[in-house]
Amino acid sequence: MVEAILWDNDGLLVDSETVFFEMTRRFFADVGLRIDEEFWGIEYLGNARHSAEIALDLGLAPKLIRPLLDRRNEAFVERLQHPVPLMPKVRETIEVLSGKVRLGLVTGSWRDKVMLMHVAHGLLDHFEVIVTGDEVEQPKPHPEPYLKAMAQLGVEPERCLAVEDSRRGMDSAVAAGLRCIAVPNALTRVQRFDRAHAVEADVSGVLKHVNAG
């Protein structure tokens, strides 16, 4: 029986990954660096490479990297002051599950950004536990974020499902002993999800796994 579902946030519940990528692409272009969706989906979202590392590999002078990323990050926080769209079928799925199973959020984003992303949606009221990137020592793909969420809920891995949009998140969940349902988005669909329990087109596909479990 599935007792709890642990959800990633960016690119799964809210379309923040697209917002962040487009902003990064624009700031990189200002200094002559070119990135496309496939590159970003593989290197940043899949292989967990940091923006600074990517900029350095693309040839940006080291002294220019931090100022560039600081400007990008400030612009991203400013963008979060405005609503970030939900991903398809998110609200309907979360509302169906709320009260039926326990819900947790496990994200690499910091808590202040998560709050901003959801202020217009009110979805966080459905989540019993929220584990953010600034609250763990080892981020995804390390299992710590999921282990912390399960400890807070007091549930065992075999009674949980994880839902992720990226291989990095899937690896974190699987390393924590969880079955992981992958819901790739336009940026992460270039990744491999061979370790996923299932791959679904949108988050509503999770419902049949809850009913089956």
N, C-alpha and C. Protein backbone atom coordinates (compact mmCIF):
# COMPACT_ATOMS: atom_id res chain seq x y z
N MET A 1 0.84 -1.20 0.00
CA MET A 1 0.00 0.00 0.00
C MET A 1 0.88 1.25 0.00
N VAL A 2 0.55 2.21 -0.85
CA VAL A 2 1.27 3.48 -0.89
C VAL A 2 0.70 4.40 0.19
N GLU A 3 1.56 4.76 1.11
CA GLU A 3 1.16 5.64 2.21
C GLU A 3 1.54 7.09 1.95
N ALA A 4 2.64 7.30 1.23
CA ALA A 4 3.13 8.66 1.01
C ALA A 4 3.73 8.79 -0.39
N ILE A 5 3.62 9.99 -0.94
CA ILE A 5 4.24 10.32 -2.22
C ILE A 5 5.12 11.54 -2.00
N LEU A 6 6.37 11.42 -2.43
CA LEU A 6 7.34 12.50 -2.29
C LEU A 6 7.61 13.09 -3.67
N TRP A 7 7.37 14.37 -3.80
CA TRP A 7 7.41 15.05 -5.09
C TRP A 7 8.61 15.98 -5.20
N ASP A 8 9.25 15.96 -6.36
CA ASP A 8 10.15 17.04 -6.72
C ASP A 8 9.29 18.27 -7.00
N ASN A 9 9.93 19.40 -7.19
CA ASN A 9 9.18 20.64 -7.41
C ASN A 9 9.43 21.23 -8.80
N ASP A 10 10.68 21.65 -9.06
CA ASP A 10 11.00 22.38 -10.28
C ASP A 10 10.91 21.48 -11.51
N GLY A 11 10.11 21.90 -12.46
CA GLY A 11 9.95 21.12 -13.68
C GLY A 11 8.96 19.99 -13.56
N LEU A 12 8.46 19.78 -12.35
CA LEU A 12 7.47 18.72 -12.12
C LEU A 12 6.14 19.32 -11.67
N LEU A 13 6.17 20.14 -10.63
CA LEU A 13 4.97 20.82 -10.17
C LEU A 13 4.83 22.20 -10.80
N VAL A 14 5.94 22.93 -10.86
CA VAL A 14 5.92 24.27 -11.46
C VAL A 14 6.93 24.33 -12.61
N ASP A 15 6.67 25.19 -13.58
CA ASP A 15 7.51 25.26 -14.77
C ASP A 15 8.70 26.19 -14.56
N SER A 16 9.30 26.13 -13.41
CA SER A 16 10.41 27.01 -13.06
C SER A 16 11.69 26.65 -13.82
N GLU A 17 11.85 25.39 -14.22
CA GLU A 17 13.05 25.01 -14.96
C GLU A 17 13.13 25.72 -16.31
N THR A 18 11.99 25.88 -16.96
CA THR A 18 11.97 26.61 -18.22
C THR A 18 12.33 28.07 -18.00
N VAL A 19 11.76 28.66 -16.95
CA VAL A 19 12.05 30.06 -16.63
C VAL A 19 13.54 30.23 -16.36
N PHE A 20 14.12 29.34 -15.56
CA PHE A 20 15.52 29.44 -15.19
C PHE A 20 16.43 29.22 -16.40
N PHE A 21 16.08 28.25 -17.23
CA PHE A 21 16.89 28.00 -18.43
C PHE A 21 16.87 29.20 -19.37
N GLU A 22 15.70 29.74 -19.66
CA GLU A 22 15.61 30.86 -20.59
C GLU A 22 16.38 32.06 -20.06
N MET A 23 16.33 32.26 -18.76
CA MET A 23 17.07 33.37 -18.17
C MET A 23 18.58 33.13 -18.27
N THR A 24 18.99 31.89 -17.99
CA THR A 24 20.41 31.55 -18.10
C THR A 24 20.88 31.70 -19.54
N ARG A 25 20.10 31.24 -20.48
CA ARG A 25 20.47 31.35 -21.90
C ARG A 25 20.65 32.82 -22.28
N ARG A 26 19.77 33.67 -21.80
CA ARG A 26 19.87 35.09 -22.14
C ARG A 26 21.12 35.73 -21.53
N PHE A 27 21.40 35.42 -20.27
CA PHE A 27 22.57 36.01 -19.62
C PHE A 27 23.87 35.45 -20.21
N PHE A 28 23.87 34.17 -20.53
CA PHE A 28 25.05 33.59 -21.18
C PHE A 28 25.28 34.22 -22.55
N ALA A 29 24.20 34.44 -23.30
CA ALA A 29 24.33 35.04 -24.64
C ALA A 29 24.94 36.43 -24.56
N ASP A 30 24.65 37.15 -23.49
CA ASP A 30 25.19 38.51 -23.32
C ASP A 30 26.71 38.52 -23.27
N VAL A 31 27.32 37.38 -22.87
CA VAL A 31 28.79 37.32 -22.81
C VAL A 31 29.34 36.36 -23.88
N GLY A 32 28.51 36.05 -24.88
CA GLY A 32 28.96 35.28 -26.01
C GLY A 32 28.92 33.77 -25.85
N LEU A 33 28.20 33.27 -24.83
CA LEU A 33 28.09 31.82 -24.62
C LEU A 33 26.74 31.33 -25.14
N ARG A 34 26.75 30.19 -25.83
CA ARG A 34 25.51 29.65 -26.40
C ARG A 34 25.19 28.31 -25.76
N ILE A 35 23.97 28.16 -25.31
CA ILE A 35 23.48 26.89 -24.79
C ILE A 35 22.11 26.63 -25.40
N ASP A 36 21.77 25.34 -25.58
CA ASP A 36 20.45 24.99 -26.07
C ASP A 36 19.77 24.05 -25.08
N GLU A 37 18.52 23.71 -25.38
CA GLU A 37 17.72 22.91 -24.46
C GLU A 37 18.34 21.54 -24.18
N GLU A 38 18.83 20.89 -25.24
CA GLU A 38 19.39 19.55 -25.06
C GLU A 38 20.64 19.59 -24.18
N PHE A 39 21.52 20.53 -24.44
CA PHE A 39 22.73 20.66 -23.64
C PHE A 39 22.39 20.89 -22.18
N TRP A 40 21.47 21.82 -21.92
CA TRP A 40 21.09 22.15 -20.54
C TRP A 40 20.41 20.97 -19.86
N GLY A 41 19.57 20.28 -20.61
CA GLY A 41 18.85 19.14 -20.05
C GLY A 41 19.79 18.02 -19.65
N ILE A 42 20.85 17.82 -20.41
CA ILE A 42 21.80 16.75 -20.10
C ILE A 42 22.79 17.18 -19.03
N GLU A 43 23.42 18.33 -19.23
CA GLU A 43 24.54 18.71 -18.36
C GLU A 43 24.09 19.28 -17.02
N TYR A 44 23.16 20.21 -17.03
CA TYR A 44 22.74 20.86 -15.78
C TYR A 44 21.69 20.04 -15.05
N LEU A 45 20.62 19.69 -15.75
CA LEU A 45 19.52 19.00 -15.10
C LEU A 45 19.77 17.51 -14.92
N GLY A 46 20.59 16.92 -15.79
CA GLY A 46 20.85 15.49 -15.70
C GLY A 46 22.12 15.15 -14.96
N ASN A 47 23.23 15.80 -15.35
CA ASN A 47 24.53 15.47 -14.76
C ASN A 47 24.86 16.31 -13.54
N ALA A 48 23.96 17.19 -13.15
CA ALA A 48 24.10 18.00 -11.92
C ALA A 48 25.34 18.90 -11.96
N ARG A 49 25.71 19.38 -13.15
CA ARG A 49 26.83 20.31 -13.25
C ARG A 49 26.36 21.72 -12.93
N HIS A 50 27.16 22.44 -12.19
CA HIS A 50 26.80 23.79 -11.78
C HIS A 50 26.96 24.78 -12.93
N SER A 51 26.22 25.88 -12.86
CA SER A 51 26.29 26.90 -13.89
C SER A 51 27.71 27.43 -14.06
N ALA A 52 28.43 27.60 -12.94
CA ALA A 52 29.79 28.12 -13.01
C ALA A 52 30.71 27.17 -13.76
N GLU A 53 30.55 25.90 -13.53
CA GLU A 53 31.37 24.90 -14.22
C GLU A 53 31.07 24.90 -15.71
N ILE A 54 29.80 25.02 -16.05
CA ILE A 54 29.41 25.05 -17.46
C ILE A 54 29.97 26.29 -18.14
N ALA A 55 29.85 27.44 -17.48
CA ALA A 55 30.37 28.69 -18.06
C ALA A 55 31.87 28.61 -18.28
N LEU A 56 32.58 28.02 -17.34
CA LEU A 56 34.03 27.88 -17.47
C LEU A 56 34.37 26.97 -18.65
N ASP A 57 33.67 25.85 -18.77
CA ASP A 57 33.92 24.93 -19.87
C ASP A 57 33.62 25.55 -21.23
N LEU A 58 32.65 26.48 -21.24
CA LEU A 58 32.30 27.14 -22.49
C LEU A 58 33.25 28.29 -22.84
N GLY A 59 34.20 28.55 -21.95
CA GLY A 59 35.25 29.51 -22.29
C GLY A 59 35.16 30.86 -21.62
N LEU A 60 34.25 31.05 -20.68
CA LEU A 60 34.16 32.34 -20.02
C LEU A 60 35.32 32.51 -19.03
N ALA A 61 35.92 33.68 -19.02
CA ALA A 61 37.03 33.95 -18.11
C ALA A 61 36.57 33.78 -16.66
N PRO A 62 37.36 33.12 -15.83
CA PRO A 62 36.94 32.86 -14.44
C PRO A 62 36.49 34.10 -13.68
N LYS A 63 37.16 35.24 -13.90
CA LYS A 63 36.81 36.44 -13.14
C LYS A 63 35.43 36.99 -13.51
N LEU A 64 34.91 36.56 -14.66
CA LEU A 64 33.60 37.06 -15.11
C LEU A 64 32.44 36.17 -14.68
N ILE A 65 32.74 34.96 -14.22
CA ILE A 65 31.68 33.99 -13.96
C ILE A 65 30.80 34.39 -12.79
N ARG A 66 31.40 34.70 -11.64
CA ARG A 66 30.60 35.01 -10.46
C ARG A 66 29.71 36.24 -10.66
N PRO A 67 30.26 37.35 -11.20
CA PRO A 67 29.37 38.51 -11.45
C PRO A 67 28.22 38.18 -12.39
N LEU A 68 28.50 37.36 -13.43
CA LEU A 68 27.43 36.98 -14.37
C LEU A 68 26.34 36.19 -13.65
N LEU A 69 26.73 35.20 -12.87
CA LEU A 69 25.74 34.36 -12.19
C LEU A 69 25.01 35.13 -11.10
N ASP A 70 25.67 36.07 -10.47
CA ASP A 70 24.99 36.90 -9.47
C ASP A 70 23.88 37.70 -10.13
N ARG A 71 24.17 38.25 -11.31
CA ARG A 71 23.14 39.02 -12.03
C ARG A 71 21.99 38.10 -12.45
N ARG A 72 22.35 36.93 -12.95
CA ARG A 72 21.31 35.96 -13.34
C ARG A 72 20.44 35.56 -12.16
N ASN A 73 21.06 35.28 -11.03
CA ASN A 73 20.31 34.84 -9.85
C ASN A 73 19.41 35.95 -9.32
N GLU A 74 19.89 37.18 -9.34
CA GLU A 74 19.05 38.30 -8.90
C GLU A 74 17.83 38.46 -9.82
N ALA A 75 18.06 38.30 -11.10
CA ALA A 75 16.96 38.43 -12.06
C ALA A 75 15.95 37.30 -11.87
N PHE A 76 16.44 36.10 -11.53
CA PHE A 76 15.54 34.97 -11.32
C PHE A 76 14.66 35.19 -10.09
N VAL A 77 15.25 35.66 -9.01
CA VAL A 77 14.45 35.94 -7.81
C VAL A 77 13.41 37.02 -8.10
N GLU A 78 13.80 38.03 -8.87
CA GLU A 78 12.85 39.07 -9.26
C GLU A 78 11.71 38.48 -10.08
N ARG A 79 12.04 37.55 -10.98
CA ARG A 79 11.00 36.91 -11.79
C ARG A 79 10.04 36.11 -10.92
N LEU A 80 10.53 35.54 -9.85
CA LEU A 80 9.69 34.73 -8.97
C LEU A 80 8.68 35.56 -8.19
N GLN A 81 8.81 36.87 -8.25
CA GLN A 81 7.80 37.74 -7.63
C GLN A 81 6.48 37.68 -8.41
N HIS A 82 6.54 37.11 -9.60
CA HIS A 82 5.36 36.96 -10.45
C HIS A 82 5.04 35.47 -10.58
N PRO A 83 3.79 35.11 -10.84
CA PRO A 83 3.40 33.70 -10.87
C PRO A 83 4.21 32.86 -11.85
N VAL A 84 4.60 31.69 -11.40
CA VAL A 84 5.26 30.69 -12.24
C VAL A 84 4.20 29.65 -12.60
N PRO A 85 4.01 29.34 -13.88
CA PRO A 85 2.92 28.43 -14.26
C PRO A 85 3.09 27.04 -13.65
N LEU A 86 1.97 26.42 -13.32
CA LEU A 86 1.97 25.02 -12.92
C LEU A 86 2.18 24.15 -14.15
N MET A 87 2.77 22.99 -13.94
CA MET A 87 2.90 22.02 -15.02
C MET A 87 1.53 21.37 -15.27
N PRO A 88 1.34 20.73 -16.44
CA PRO A 88 0.03 20.17 -16.77
C PRO A 88 -0.50 19.18 -15.73
N LYS A 89 -1.78 19.35 -15.40
CA LYS A 89 -2.56 18.45 -14.55
C LYS A 89 -2.05 18.35 -13.12
N VAL A 90 -1.24 19.31 -12.71
CA VAL A 90 -0.70 19.27 -11.35
C VAL A 90 -1.78 19.53 -10.30
N ARG A 91 -2.53 20.61 -10.46
CA ARG A 91 -3.50 20.94 -9.42
C ARG A 91 -4.54 19.83 -9.25
N GLU A 92 -5.06 19.33 -10.37
CA GLU A 92 -6.08 18.28 -10.28
C GLU A 92 -5.53 17.03 -9.59
N THR A 93 -4.30 16.67 -9.91
CA THR A 93 -3.71 15.45 -9.35
C THR A 93 -3.45 15.59 -7.86
N ILE A 94 -2.87 16.72 -7.47
CA ILE A 94 -2.59 16.94 -6.04
C ILE A 94 -3.88 16.99 -5.24
N GLU A 95 -4.91 17.61 -5.77
CA GLU A 95 -6.17 17.71 -5.04
C GLU A 95 -6.84 16.35 -4.90
N VAL A 96 -6.70 15.48 -5.90
CA VAL A 96 -7.24 14.12 -5.80
C VAL A 96 -6.51 13.33 -4.73
N LEU A 97 -5.20 13.50 -4.66
CA LEU A 97 -4.39 12.72 -3.73
C LEU A 97 -4.44 13.25 -2.30
N SER A 98 -4.66 14.55 -2.15
CA SER A 98 -4.65 15.15 -0.82
C SER A 98 -5.71 14.53 0.07
N GLY A 99 -5.29 14.03 1.22
CA GLY A 99 -6.20 13.35 2.14
C GLY A 99 -6.28 11.85 1.90
N LYS A 100 -5.84 11.42 0.72
CA LYS A 100 -5.83 9.99 0.41
C LYS A 100 -4.48 9.38 0.76
N VAL A 101 -3.42 10.09 0.45
CA VAL A 101 -2.07 9.69 0.83
C VAL A 101 -1.37 10.92 1.40
N ARG A 102 -0.29 10.69 2.14
CA ARG A 102 0.50 11.80 2.68
C ARG A 102 1.42 12.32 1.58
N LEU A 103 1.57 13.62 1.53
CA LEU A 103 2.36 14.24 0.47
C LEU A 103 3.55 15.00 1.06
N GLY A 104 4.70 14.83 0.40
CA GLY A 104 5.89 15.56 0.79
C GLY A 104 6.54 16.17 -0.43
N LEU A 105 7.26 17.26 -0.21
CA LEU A 105 7.98 17.94 -1.28
C LEU A 105 9.47 17.82 -0.99
N VAL A 106 10.23 17.38 -1.99
CA VAL A 106 11.68 17.18 -1.83
C VAL A 106 12.36 17.87 -3.00
N THR A 107 12.98 19.00 -2.76
CA THR A 107 13.47 19.84 -3.84
C THR A 107 14.88 20.35 -3.57
N GLY A 108 15.60 20.60 -4.65
CA GLY A 108 16.91 21.21 -4.54
C GLY A 108 16.84 22.72 -4.40
N SER A 109 15.70 23.31 -4.67
CA SER A 109 15.55 24.76 -4.51
C SER A 109 15.55 25.13 -3.03
N TRP A 110 15.98 26.35 -2.75
CA TRP A 110 15.97 26.81 -1.37
C TRP A 110 14.55 27.21 -0.98
N ARG A 111 14.30 27.17 0.33
CA ARG A 111 12.93 27.35 0.82
C ARG A 111 12.33 28.69 0.41
N ASP A 112 13.10 29.76 0.46
CA ASP A 112 12.52 31.05 0.11
C ASP A 112 12.05 31.09 -1.33
N LYS A 113 12.78 30.41 -2.23
CA LYS A 113 12.37 30.38 -3.64
C LYS A 113 11.13 29.50 -3.82
N VAL A 114 11.06 28.38 -3.10
CA VAL A 114 9.89 27.52 -3.18
C VAL A 114 8.63 28.28 -2.74
N MET A 115 8.75 29.03 -1.67
CA MET A 115 7.61 29.81 -1.20
C MET A 115 7.15 30.81 -2.25
N LEU A 116 8.11 31.46 -2.91
CA LEU A 116 7.76 32.43 -3.94
C LEU A 116 7.08 31.75 -5.13
N MET A 117 7.60 30.59 -5.53
CA MET A 117 7.04 29.88 -6.68
C MET A 117 5.57 29.51 -6.46
N HIS A 118 5.21 29.25 -5.21
CA HIS A 118 3.88 28.71 -4.93
C HIS A 118 2.91 29.72 -4.32
N VAL A 119 3.36 30.93 -4.11
CA VAL A 119 2.50 31.89 -3.43
C VAL A 119 1.18 32.11 -4.19
N ALA A 120 1.22 32.02 -5.50
CA ALA A 120 0.02 32.26 -6.29
C ALA A 120 -0.85 31.02 -6.44
N HIS A 121 -0.31 29.84 -6.05
CA HIS A 121 -1.01 28.59 -6.33
C HIS A 121 -1.67 27.96 -5.11
N GLY A 122 -1.10 28.15 -3.93
CA GLY A 122 -1.67 27.57 -2.72
C GLY A 122 -1.51 26.07 -2.60
N LEU A 123 -0.66 25.46 -3.42
CA LEU A 123 -0.53 24.01 -3.39
C LEU A 123 0.20 23.49 -2.16
N LEU A 124 1.06 24.31 -1.58
CA LEU A 124 1.89 23.83 -0.48
C LEU A 124 1.08 23.45 0.75
N ASP A 125 -0.15 23.93 0.83
CA ASP A 125 -1.01 23.54 1.95
C ASP A 125 -1.29 22.05 1.96
N HIS A 126 -1.13 21.40 0.82
CA HIS A 126 -1.40 19.96 0.73
C HIS A 126 -0.22 19.10 1.18
N PHE A 127 0.95 19.73 1.42
CA PHE A 127 2.16 18.97 1.70
C PHE A 127 2.48 18.99 3.19
N GLU A 128 2.61 17.80 3.73
CA GLU A 128 2.88 17.65 5.16
C GLU A 128 4.34 17.95 5.50
N VAL A 129 5.23 17.65 4.58
CA VAL A 129 6.67 17.82 4.78
C VAL A 129 7.25 18.51 3.55
N ILE A 130 8.15 19.46 3.78
CA ILE A 130 8.88 20.11 2.69
C ILE A 130 10.36 20.10 3.05
N VAL A 131 11.16 19.44 2.21
CA VAL A 131 12.61 19.41 2.39
C VAL A 131 13.24 20.17 1.24
N THR A 132 14.01 21.21 1.54
CA THR A 132 14.59 22.07 0.52
C THR A 132 16.11 21.95 0.50
N GLY A 133 16.70 22.50 -0.56
CA GLY A 133 18.12 22.32 -0.77
C GLY A 133 19.00 22.95 0.29
N ASP A 134 18.51 24.01 0.94
CA ASP A 134 19.31 24.66 1.98
C ASP A 134 19.19 23.96 3.33
N GLU A 135 18.44 22.86 3.36
CA GLU A 135 18.24 22.14 4.62
C GLU A 135 18.94 20.79 4.65
N VAL A 136 19.75 20.51 3.65
CA VAL A 136 20.50 19.24 3.60
C VAL A 136 21.97 19.55 3.36
N GLU A 137 22.81 18.62 3.76
CA GLU A 137 24.25 18.77 3.51
C GLU A 137 24.63 18.23 2.14
N GLN A 138 23.93 17.19 1.69
CA GLN A 138 24.21 16.55 0.41
C GLN A 138 22.97 16.63 -0.48
N PRO A 139 23.00 17.45 -1.54
CA PRO A 139 21.83 17.58 -2.41
C PRO A 139 21.69 16.38 -3.34
N LYS A 140 20.58 16.33 -4.06
CA LYS A 140 20.40 15.33 -5.11
C LYS A 140 21.57 15.42 -6.09
N PRO A 141 22.12 14.31 -6.56
CA PRO A 141 21.61 12.93 -6.55
C PRO A 141 21.90 12.12 -5.30
N HIS A 142 22.46 12.73 -4.26
CA HIS A 142 22.65 12.03 -2.99
C HIS A 142 21.27 11.69 -2.41
N PRO A 143 21.14 10.59 -1.68
CA PRO A 143 19.83 10.21 -1.13
C PRO A 143 19.37 11.03 0.07
N GLU A 144 20.25 11.86 0.63
CA GLU A 144 19.89 12.56 1.87
C GLU A 144 18.55 13.29 1.83
N PRO A 145 18.23 14.04 0.77
CA PRO A 145 16.94 14.76 0.79
C PRO A 145 15.74 13.82 0.98
N TYR A 146 15.75 12.69 0.29
CA TYR A 146 14.62 11.76 0.42
C TYR A 146 14.65 11.03 1.76
N LEU A 147 15.82 10.69 2.23
CA LEU A 147 15.92 10.05 3.54
C LEU A 147 15.40 10.99 4.64
N LYS A 148 15.71 12.26 4.52
CA LYS A 148 15.24 13.24 5.51
C LYS A 148 13.72 13.37 5.47
N ALA A 149 13.15 13.41 4.27
CA ALA A 149 11.70 13.52 4.14
C ALA A 149 11.00 12.30 4.74
N MET A 150 11.52 11.10 4.46
CA MET A 150 10.90 9.89 5.02
C MET A 150 11.03 9.84 6.53
N ALA A 151 12.15 10.32 7.05
CA ALA A 151 12.33 10.35 8.50
C ALA A 151 11.32 11.30 9.14
N GLN A 152 11.09 12.42 8.52
CA GLN A 152 10.13 13.39 9.06
C GLN A 152 8.71 12.85 9.02
N LEU A 153 8.41 12.09 7.99
CA LEU A 153 7.07 11.48 7.88
C LEU A 153 6.94 10.22 8.73
N GLY A 154 8.07 9.60 9.03
CA GLY A 154 8.04 8.35 9.79
C GLY A 154 7.54 7.19 8.96
N VAL A 155 7.91 7.16 7.68
CA VAL A 155 7.46 6.09 6.79
C VAL A 155 8.68 5.37 6.19
N GLU A 156 8.49 4.12 5.81
CA GLU A 156 9.54 3.32 5.21
C GLU A 156 9.50 3.45 3.68
N PRO A 157 10.64 3.24 3.02
CA PRO A 157 10.68 3.41 1.56
C PRO A 157 9.67 2.56 0.80
N GLU A 158 9.43 1.34 1.28
CA GLU A 158 8.52 0.45 0.55
C GLU A 158 7.06 0.94 0.59
N ARG A 159 6.77 1.90 1.44
CA ARG A 159 5.42 2.44 1.52
C ARG A 159 5.30 3.81 0.85
N CYS A 160 6.35 4.17 0.11
CA CYS A 160 6.39 5.49 -0.55
C CYS A 160 6.62 5.36 -2.05
N LEU A 161 6.23 6.40 -2.74
CA LEU A 161 6.62 6.62 -4.12
C LEU A 161 7.31 7.98 -4.21
N ALA A 162 8.28 8.09 -5.09
CA ALA A 162 8.86 9.38 -5.44
C ALA A 162 8.45 9.73 -6.85
N VAL A 163 8.33 11.01 -7.12
CA VAL A 163 8.00 11.48 -8.47
C VAL A 163 9.03 12.54 -8.86
N GLU A 164 9.68 12.34 -9.99
CA GLU A 164 10.78 13.21 -10.43
C GLU A 164 10.68 13.48 -11.93
N ASP A 165 11.29 14.58 -12.34
CA ASP A 165 11.34 14.90 -13.77
C ASP A 165 12.74 14.71 -14.35
N SER A 166 13.75 14.45 -13.50
CA SER A 166 15.12 14.37 -14.00
C SER A 166 15.83 13.12 -13.49
N ARG A 167 16.89 12.75 -14.20
CA ARG A 167 17.68 11.59 -13.76
C ARG A 167 18.37 11.88 -12.43
N ARG A 168 18.82 13.10 -12.24
CA ARG A 168 19.46 13.47 -10.98
C ARG A 168 18.53 13.20 -9.80
N GLY A 169 17.27 13.62 -9.93
CA GLY A 169 16.31 13.37 -8.87
C GLY A 169 15.97 11.91 -8.74
N MET A 170 15.82 11.24 -9.88
CA MET A 170 15.53 9.80 -9.85
C MET A 170 16.64 9.04 -9.13
N ASP A 171 17.89 9.37 -9.40
CA ASP A 171 19.01 8.69 -8.76
C ASP A 171 18.98 8.91 -7.24
N SER A 172 18.60 10.10 -6.82
CA SER A 172 18.48 10.39 -5.39
C SER A 172 17.42 9.52 -4.75
N ALA A 173 16.27 9.44 -5.39
CA ALA A 173 15.16 8.65 -4.85
C ALA A 173 15.50 7.16 -4.81
N VAL A 174 16.06 6.65 -5.89
CA VAL A 174 16.39 5.22 -5.95
C VAL A 174 17.46 4.88 -4.92
N ALA A 175 18.43 5.77 -4.74
CA ALA A 175 19.47 5.54 -3.74
C ALA A 175 18.90 5.51 -2.33
N ALA A 176 17.76 6.17 -2.13
CA ALA A 176 17.10 6.16 -0.83
C ALA A 176 16.16 4.96 -0.66
N GLY A 177 16.12 4.10 -1.68
CA GLY A 177 15.31 2.89 -1.60
C GLY A 177 13.90 3.03 -2.11
N LEU A 178 13.63 4.12 -2.83
CA LEU A 178 12.27 4.40 -3.28
C LEU A 178 12.02 3.94 -4.71
N ARG A 179 10.78 3.58 -4.99
CA ARG A 179 10.34 3.46 -6.37
C ARG A 179 10.09 4.86 -6.89
N CYS A 180 10.59 5.16 -8.07
CA CYS A 180 10.49 6.51 -8.59
C CYS A 180 9.74 6.52 -9.92
N ILE A 181 8.72 7.34 -9.99
CA ILE A 181 7.99 7.56 -11.24
C ILE A 181 8.57 8.80 -11.90
N ALA A 182 9.00 8.66 -13.14
CA ALA A 182 9.57 9.78 -13.87
C ALA A 182 8.52 10.44 -14.75
N VAL A 183 8.49 11.77 -14.70
CA VAL A 183 7.60 12.55 -15.57
C VAL A 183 8.49 13.58 -16.27
N PRO A 184 9.14 13.19 -17.36
CA PRO A 184 10.04 14.11 -18.04
C PRO A 184 9.31 15.33 -18.60
N ASN A 185 10.03 16.44 -18.64
CA ASN A 185 9.48 17.64 -19.25
C ASN A 185 10.25 17.97 -20.53
N ALA A 186 9.99 19.11 -21.12
CA ALA A 186 10.60 19.45 -22.41
C ALA A 186 12.12 19.53 -22.33
N LEU A 187 12.67 19.85 -21.16
CA LEU A 187 14.11 19.94 -21.00
C LEU A 187 14.75 18.62 -20.61
N THR A 188 14.04 17.81 -19.83
CA THR A 188 14.65 16.58 -19.30
C THR A 188 14.33 15.34 -20.12
N ARG A 189 13.52 15.46 -21.13
CA ARG A 189 13.14 14.27 -21.90
C ARG A 189 14.31 13.67 -22.67
N VAL A 190 15.43 14.41 -22.76
CA VAL A 190 16.63 13.88 -23.43
C VAL A 190 17.40 12.93 -22.51
N GLN A 191 17.01 12.84 -21.25
CA GLN A 191 17.73 12.00 -20.30
C GLN A 191 17.23 10.56 -20.33
N ARG A 192 18.01 9.67 -19.73
CA ARG A 192 17.62 8.26 -19.62
C ARG A 192 16.98 8.00 -18.26
N PHE A 193 15.87 7.27 -18.28
CA PHE A 193 15.15 6.96 -17.05
C PHE A 193 15.02 5.45 -16.87
N ASP A 194 16.11 4.74 -17.14
CA ASP A 194 16.07 3.28 -17.09
C ASP A 194 15.89 2.74 -15.68
N ARG A 195 16.16 3.54 -14.66
CA ARG A 195 15.99 3.09 -13.27
C ARG A 195 14.63 3.47 -12.69
N ALA A 196 13.79 4.09 -13.50
CA ALA A 196 12.48 4.51 -13.02
C ALA A 196 11.54 3.31 -12.89
N HIS A 197 10.67 3.38 -11.91
CA HIS A 197 9.61 2.38 -11.75
C HIS A 197 8.64 2.45 -12.91
N ALA A 198 8.41 3.67 -13.40
CA ALA A 198 7.55 3.91 -14.57
C ALA A 198 7.85 5.30 -15.09
N VAL A 199 7.53 5.53 -16.35
CA VAL A 199 7.66 6.84 -16.97
C VAL A 199 6.29 7.27 -17.46
N GLU A 200 5.85 8.44 -17.03
CA GLU A 200 4.51 8.92 -17.36
C GLU A 200 4.59 10.24 -18.13
N ALA A 201 3.57 10.51 -18.92
CA ALA A 201 3.54 11.70 -19.76
C ALA A 201 3.25 12.97 -18.96
N ASP A 202 2.49 12.84 -17.90
CA ASP A 202 2.21 13.96 -17.00
C ASP A 202 1.94 13.41 -15.61
N VAL A 203 1.79 14.29 -14.63
CA VAL A 203 1.72 13.83 -13.25
C VAL A 203 0.45 13.03 -12.94
N SER A 204 -0.59 13.17 -13.75
CA SER A 204 -1.80 12.39 -13.49
C SER A 204 -1.56 10.90 -13.62
N GLY A 205 -0.48 10.52 -14.32
CA GLY A 205 -0.13 9.11 -14.43
C GLY A 205 0.24 8.47 -13.12
N VAL A 206 0.56 9.29 -12.12
CA VAL A 206 0.89 8.77 -10.79
C VAL A 206 -0.32 8.09 -10.16
N LEU A 207 -1.50 8.54 -10.49
CA LEU A 207 -2.72 8.06 -9.82
C LEU A 207 -2.88 6.54 -9.95
N LYS A 208 -2.59 6.01 -11.11
CA LYS A 208 -2.80 4.57 -11.28
C LYS A 208 -1.81 3.76 -10.46
N HIS A 209 -0.65 4.32 -10.17
CA HIS A 209 0.33 3.60 -9.36
C HIS A 209 -0.08 3.62 -7.88
N VAL A 210 -0.72 4.67 -7.47
CA VAL A 210 -1.23 4.72 -6.10
C VAL A 210 -2.34 3.71 -5.93
N ASN A 211 -3.23 3.67 -6.88
CA ASN A 211 -4.34 2.72 -6.80
C ASN A 211 -3.86 1.27 -6.90
N ALA A 212 -2.81 1.06 -7.69
CA ALA A 212 -2.27 -0.29 -7.85
C ALA A 212 -1.48 -0.73 -6.63
N GLY A 213 -0.89 0.28 -5.93
CA GLY A 213 -0.03 -0.06 -4.78
C GLY A 213 -0.79 -0.29 -3.51
